[in-house]
């Protein structure tokens, strides 16, 4: 029964709320964990009480799970029970009045302009072949120029950059689309990679092989470079560029894009649109990043601070 509840709830999320695939996967994992714990207690979704859910959250805390993870699990449980109530599977929602632990707000890690410059320079020389180097340059240039999520980047179709466009269409969370502009270096990198792709595609056609649709193809079932592959790649590029790899992820470059735009005077609403944030509050966190950067400059680099 629990599996049926979970699968039906996730299907409804996809159909009615247009929830992103990664969100549904995370909720599915959380609900599977809760379901497994209930089974070990001799219970199930249908008979769990408020005290049952509270005990589960205490168990999660004892397992050392972060506040953010526990808050997400409670959110998944609460929404699933709300759906069950709407469907008539339960007469109540045992999690509706429970308060989550509250996630500790962490400022996103970002990079300075010199570090980004070193990453971009390293991408141009990193790779076994000229084709690899063209691909890696296009990946890093596009990521920093647009602030795309890594999943959005690796899933770009070839058609997105066909014709040397000044802006490209990005399909984001929940299949929501947005337009993002390309910088001159990003356009040049995309054009160079596209020329390489076209040559490879023509050779594949002549050999009777299928031509991949993705701009950055990969050998897996999805047909494109995976997020995990690019995550490892950007670490190697960081090492090659003399940047601490522990500070560099694909998401760090997204944060750098937003922080550098804000520092340059861009409007917060514009940054919200470019990042694809549904809520301006999500974008506002970058103002705190900028404040911390300015404080560091004053406290550590002002001549009077050095005298102190």
Protein backbone atom coordinates (compact mmCIF):
# COMPACT_ATOMS: atom_id res chain seq x y z
CA UNK A 1 0.00 0.00 0.00
CA UNK A 2 2.81 2.44 0.89
CA UNK A 3 4.38 2.11 -2.56
CA UNK A 4 1.02 2.88 -4.17
CA UNK A 5 0.60 6.00 -2.03
CA UNK A 6 4.07 7.23 -2.94
CA UNK A 7 3.82 6.53 -6.68
CA UNK A 8 0.36 8.12 -6.95
CA UNK A 9 1.45 11.19 -4.98
CA UNK A 10 4.58 11.68 -7.13
CA UNK A 11 2.56 11.26 -10.32
CA UNK A 12 0.17 13.95 -9.09
CA UNK A 13 3.11 16.25 -8.30
CA UNK A 14 4.32 15.86 -11.87
CA UNK A 15 0.91 16.41 -13.43
CA UNK A 16 -0.65 19.06 -11.20
CA UNK A 17 2.28 21.00 -9.72
CA UNK A 18 4.64 20.63 -12.70
CA UNK A 19 7.31 19.59 -10.18
CA UNK A 20 10.87 19.16 -11.48
CA UNK A 21 12.19 15.62 -11.87
CA UNK A 22 14.93 16.12 -9.27
CA UNK A 23 12.36 17.39 -6.75
CA UNK A 24 10.22 14.31 -7.30
CA UNK A 25 13.24 12.04 -6.93
CA UNK A 26 14.20 13.71 -3.63
CA UNK A 27 10.64 13.44 -2.28
CA UNK A 28 10.48 9.83 -3.44
CA UNK A 29 13.67 8.97 -1.53
CA UNK A 30 12.41 10.76 1.59
CA UNK A 31 9.05 9.00 1.53
CA UNK A 32 10.70 5.61 0.91
CA UNK A 33 12.85 6.16 3.99
CA UNK A 34 9.80 7.12 6.06
CA UNK A 35 7.88 4.11 4.72
CA UNK A 36 10.73 1.75 5.62
CA UNK A 37 10.93 3.19 9.12
CA UNK A 38 7.15 2.78 9.55
CA UNK A 39 7.36 -0.88 8.52
CA UNK A 40 10.04 -1.51 11.15
CA UNK A 41 7.66 0.00 13.73
CA UNK A 42 4.81 -2.22 12.57
CA UNK A 43 2.94 0.76 11.12
CA UNK A 44 2.11 2.25 7.72
CA UNK A 45 0.96 5.50 6.13
CA UNK A 46 -2.71 4.82 6.86
CA UNK A 47 -2.43 4.46 10.64
CA UNK A 48 0.52 6.75 11.49
CA UNK A 49 -0.32 9.45 14.04
CA UNK A 50 1.18 12.85 14.77
CA UNK A 51 3.27 11.21 17.50
CA UNK A 52 4.50 8.66 14.94
CA UNK A 53 5.74 11.39 12.63
CA UNK A 54 7.37 13.24 15.55
CA UNK A 55 9.17 10.05 16.58
CA UNK A 56 10.41 9.60 13.02
CA UNK A 57 11.81 13.15 12.99
CA UNK A 58 13.59 12.46 16.31
CA UNK A 59 15.02 9.31 14.72
CA UNK A 60 16.29 11.37 11.76
CA UNK A 61 17.92 13.82 14.15
CA UNK A 62 19.62 10.95 15.99
CA UNK A 63 20.94 9.70 12.64
CA UNK A 64 22.82 12.98 12.28
CA UNK A 65 20.79 14.31 9.36
CA UNK A 66 21.11 18.04 8.75
CA UNK A 67 18.34 20.50 9.54
CA UNK A 68 17.79 21.06 5.82
CA UNK A 69 17.33 17.33 5.17
CA UNK A 70 14.95 16.91 8.11
CA UNK A 71 12.95 19.95 7.02
CA UNK A 72 12.66 18.54 3.50
CA UNK A 73 11.54 15.14 4.80
CA UNK A 74 8.84 16.73 6.92
CA UNK A 75 7.71 18.76 3.91
CA UNK A 76 7.48 15.59 1.81
CA UNK A 77 5.50 13.78 4.52
CA UNK A 78 3.19 16.74 5.10
CA UNK A 79 2.44 17.16 1.39
CA UNK A 80 1.89 13.45 0.89
CA UNK A 81 -0.60 13.34 3.77
CA UNK A 82 -2.35 16.44 2.45
CA UNK A 83 -2.74 14.64 -0.89
CA UNK A 84 -3.98 11.50 0.92
CA UNK A 85 -6.58 13.60 2.76
CA UNK A 86 -7.74 15.21 -0.50
CA UNK A 87 -8.04 11.75 -2.08
CA UNK A 88 -10.06 10.44 0.87
CA UNK A 89 -7.41 7.92 1.94
CA UNK A 90 -7.22 9.56 5.38
CA UNK A 91 -9.57 11.74 7.37
CA UNK A 92 -6.72 13.88 8.75
CA UNK A 93 -3.17 15.09 8.10
CA UNK A 94 -1.03 13.97 11.08
CA UNK A 95 1.89 16.21 10.04
CA UNK A 96 0.00 19.44 9.41
CA UNK A 97 0.72 21.07 12.77
CA UNK A 98 4.31 19.90 13.12
CA UNK A 99 7.01 22.53 12.88
CA UNK A 100 10.18 21.69 11.00
CA UNK A 101 13.65 22.17 12.45
CA UNK A 102 14.29 25.10 10.15
CA UNK A 103 17.23 25.00 7.79
CA UNK A 104 20.30 26.98 8.78
CA UNK A 105 20.81 29.62 6.15
CA UNK A 106 24.16 29.16 4.47
CA UNK A 107 25.51 31.74 2.09
CA UNK A 108 26.38 30.24 -1.28
CA UNK A 109 30.07 29.78 -2.02
CA UNK A 110 31.30 31.92 -4.85
CA UNK A 111 34.52 32.77 -6.67
CA UNK A 112 36.38 36.00 -7.33
CA UNK A 113 36.93 37.30 -10.85
CA UNK A 114 40.63 36.27 -10.91
CA UNK A 115 39.65 32.70 -9.99
CA UNK A 116 37.00 32.59 -12.72
CA UNK A 117 39.55 33.91 -15.22
CA UNK A 118 41.95 31.11 -14.26
CA UNK A 119 39.18 28.52 -14.67
CA UNK A 120 38.26 29.83 -18.10
CA UNK A 121 41.91 29.86 -19.17
CA UNK A 122 42.46 26.32 -17.87
CA UNK A 123 39.37 25.00 -19.70
CA UNK A 124 40.94 26.08 -23.02
CA UNK A 125 43.93 23.80 -22.47
CA UNK A 126 42.32 20.94 -20.53
CA UNK A 127 41.49 17.81 -22.53
CA UNK A 128 43.15 14.98 -24.40
CA UNK A 129 42.24 16.22 -27.86
CA UNK A 130 41.44 19.52 -29.60
CA UNK A 131 37.78 18.47 -29.65
CA UNK A 132 37.78 17.87 -25.89
CA UNK A 133 39.34 21.27 -25.31
CA UNK A 134 36.74 22.99 -27.48
CA UNK A 135 33.95 21.20 -25.60
CA UNK A 136 35.40 22.04 -22.17
CA UNK A 137 35.83 25.68 -23.12
CA UNK A 138 32.23 25.89 -24.31
CA UNK A 139 30.94 24.21 -21.14
CA UNK A 140 32.70 26.57 -18.72
CA UNK A 141 32.13 29.72 -20.80
CA UNK A 142 28.40 28.99 -21.16
CA UNK A 143 28.00 28.13 -17.48
CA UNK A 144 29.61 31.34 -16.24
CA UNK A 145 28.04 33.54 -18.93
CA UNK A 146 24.47 32.38 -18.26
CA UNK A 147 24.32 31.14 -14.66
CA UNK A 148 22.54 28.00 -15.84
CA UNK A 149 22.03 25.04 -13.53
CA UNK A 150 24.34 22.20 -14.50
CA UNK A 151 21.36 20.02 -15.52
CA UNK A 152 20.17 22.81 -17.84
CA UNK A 153 23.62 23.10 -19.37
CA UNK A 154 24.27 19.43 -20.10
CA UNK A 155 20.74 18.95 -21.49
CA UNK A 156 21.00 21.79 -24.03
CA UNK A 157 20.11 20.63 -27.56
CA UNK A 158 22.34 21.48 -30.50
CA UNK A 159 19.55 23.70 -31.84
CA UNK A 160 19.92 26.03 -28.85
CA UNK A 161 23.15 27.57 -30.20
CA UNK A 162 22.55 27.12 -33.92
CA UNK A 163 22.92 30.41 -35.82
CA UNK A 164 25.25 32.15 -33.34
CA UNK A 165 22.35 33.54 -31.25
CA UNK A 166 22.70 36.47 -28.87
CA UNK A 167 20.29 34.71 -26.51
CA UNK A 168 19.45 31.06 -25.95
CA UNK A 169 16.32 29.32 -24.71
CA UNK A 170 16.85 27.34 -21.49
CA UNK A 171 14.43 24.75 -20.13
CA UNK A 172 14.61 24.89 -16.32
CA UNK A 173 12.89 23.41 -13.29
CA UNK A 174 9.38 22.19 -13.92
CA UNK A 175 10.01 22.54 -17.68
CA UNK A 176 9.75 26.32 -17.34
CA UNK A 177 11.51 28.13 -20.17
CA UNK A 178 13.52 31.35 -20.03
CA UNK A 179 15.81 33.31 -22.33
CA UNK A 180 19.38 34.04 -21.25
CA UNK A 181 21.88 36.27 -23.09
CA UNK A 182 25.31 35.06 -24.19
CA UNK A 183 28.50 37.03 -23.75
CA UNK A 184 30.83 37.43 -26.74
CA UNK A 185 33.34 34.86 -25.37
CA UNK A 186 30.54 32.36 -24.70
CA UNK A 187 29.16 32.82 -28.23
CA UNK A 188 32.62 32.32 -29.71
CA UNK A 189 33.19 29.17 -27.62
CA UNK A 190 29.77 27.77 -28.55
CA UNK A 191 30.34 28.50 -32.25
CA UNK A 192 33.75 26.81 -32.24
CA UNK A 193 32.33 23.74 -30.49
CA UNK A 194 29.34 23.63 -32.84
CA UNK A 195 31.67 23.60 -35.85
CA UNK A 196 33.48 20.63 -34.31
CA UNK A 197 30.15 18.92 -33.58
CA UNK A 198 28.93 19.46 -37.15
CA UNK A 199 32.07 17.81 -38.53
CA UNK A 200 31.65 14.86 -36.14
CA UNK A 201 27.95 14.58 -36.97
CA UNK A 202 28.66 14.49 -40.70
CA UNK A 203 31.19 11.71 -40.19
CA UNK A 204 28.61 9.80 -38.12
CA UNK A 205 25.96 10.18 -40.85
CA UNK A 206 28.34 8.89 -43.51
CA UNK A 207 29.08 5.89 -41.29
CA UNK A 208 25.37 5.25 -40.80
CA UNK A 209 25.49 6.10 -37.10
CA UNK A 210 22.86 8.11 -35.20
CA UNK A 211 23.57 11.79 -34.64
CA UNK A 212 23.15 12.91 -31.00
CA UNK A 213 20.62 15.65 -30.31
CA UNK A 214 22.44 17.04 -27.27
CA UNK A 215 24.95 19.85 -27.64
CA UNK A 216 27.26 17.98 -25.25
CA UNK A 217 26.68 14.29 -26.04
CA UNK A 218 27.54 11.44 -23.72
CA UNK A 219 27.55 7.65 -23.92
CA UNK A 220 24.76 7.09 -21.37
CA UNK A 221 21.08 6.41 -21.88
CA UNK A 222 20.21 10.12 -21.58
CA UNK A 223 22.42 10.86 -24.59
CA UNK A 224 24.16 13.83 -23.02
CA UNK A 225 27.09 14.50 -20.73
CA UNK A 226 26.03 13.70 -17.16
CA UNK A 227 26.05 16.13 -14.26
CA UNK A 228 28.37 13.79 -12.38
CA UNK A 229 30.86 13.72 -15.26
CA UNK A 230 30.91 17.50 -15.50
CA UNK A 231 31.24 17.81 -11.70
CA UNK A 232 34.44 15.73 -11.79
CA UNK A 233 35.66 17.56 -14.88
CA UNK A 234 35.32 21.02 -13.32
CA UNK A 235 37.38 19.82 -10.33
CA UNK A 236 40.20 18.78 -12.68
CA UNK A 237 39.97 22.10 -14.54
CA UNK A 238 40.23 23.92 -11.20
CA UNK A 239 43.43 22.02 -10.36
CA UNK A 240 44.83 22.83 -13.80
CA UNK A 241 44.03 26.50 -13.25
CA UNK A 242 45.55 26.68 -9.78
CA UNK A 243 42.17 27.15 -8.06
CA UNK A 244 41.33 25.23 -4.89
CA UNK A 245 39.10 22.39 -6.21
CA UNK A 246 37.20 22.18 -2.90
CA UNK A 247 35.79 25.64 -3.69
CA UNK A 248 34.75 24.84 -7.25
CA UNK A 249 31.58 23.08 -8.42
CA UNK A 250 29.27 23.78 -11.35
CA UNK A 251 26.93 25.50 -8.89
CA UNK A 252 29.78 27.73 -7.64
CA UNK A 253 30.02 29.22 -11.12
CA UNK A 254 26.26 29.86 -11.08
CA UNK A 255 26.72 31.71 -7.78
CA UNK A 256 29.68 33.62 -9.22
CA UNK A 257 27.54 34.68 -12.20
CA UNK A 258 24.86 36.11 -9.89
CA UNK A 259 27.25 37.71 -7.39
CA UNK A 260 29.35 39.39 -10.08
CA UNK A 261 26.26 40.72 -11.84
CA UNK A 262 24.97 42.17 -8.57
CA UNK A 263 28.35 43.74 -7.81
CA UNK A 264 28.29 45.28 -11.28
CA UNK A 265 24.98 47.00 -10.54
CA UNK A 266 22.47 44.60 -12.09
CA UNK A 267 18.89 44.77 -10.82
CA UNK A 268 17.89 41.94 -8.49
CA UNK A 269 14.74 41.24 -10.53
CA UNK A 270 16.84 40.83 -13.67
CA UNK A 271 19.12 38.35 -11.88
CA UNK A 272 16.04 36.48 -10.64
CA UNK A 273 14.81 36.12 -14.23
CA UNK A 274 18.20 35.02 -15.55
CA UNK A 275 18.63 32.40 -12.82
CA UNK A 276 15.09 31.10 -13.21
CA UNK A 277 14.18 31.64 -9.53
CA UNK A 278 10.46 31.43 -8.84
CA UNK A 279 10.79 33.55 -5.68
CA UNK A 280 12.79 36.80 -5.36
CA UNK A 281 13.69 35.74 -1.80
CA UNK A 282 15.91 33.01 -3.26
CA UNK A 283 17.79 35.62 -5.28
CA UNK A 284 18.12 38.04 -2.36
CA UNK A 285 20.65 35.76 -0.65
CA UNK A 286 23.24 37.11 -3.10
CA UNK A 287 22.93 40.53 -1.50
CA UNK A 288 24.25 38.94 1.71
CA UNK A 289 27.15 37.37 -0.20
CA UNK A 290 28.04 40.79 -1.60
CA UNK A 291 27.80 42.39 1.86
CA UNK A 292 30.22 39.80 3.27
CA UNK A 293 32.63 40.41 0.39
CA UNK A 294 32.55 44.17 0.98
CA UNK A 295 33.12 43.66 4.71
CA UNK A 296 36.13 41.46 3.97
CA UNK A 297 37.57 44.12 1.66
CA UNK A 298 37.18 46.89 4.26
CA UNK A 299 38.43 44.87 7.22
CA UNK A 300 41.40 43.28 5.49
CA UNK A 301 42.44 45.67 2.72
CA UNK A 302 41.66 49.17 3.95
CA UNK A 303 44.94 50.95 4.87
CA UNK A 304 43.69 51.83 8.37
CA UNK A 305 42.68 48.21 8.96
CA UNK A 306 46.19 47.09 8.03
CA UNK A 307 47.66 49.58 10.50
CA UNK A 308 45.41 48.16 13.20
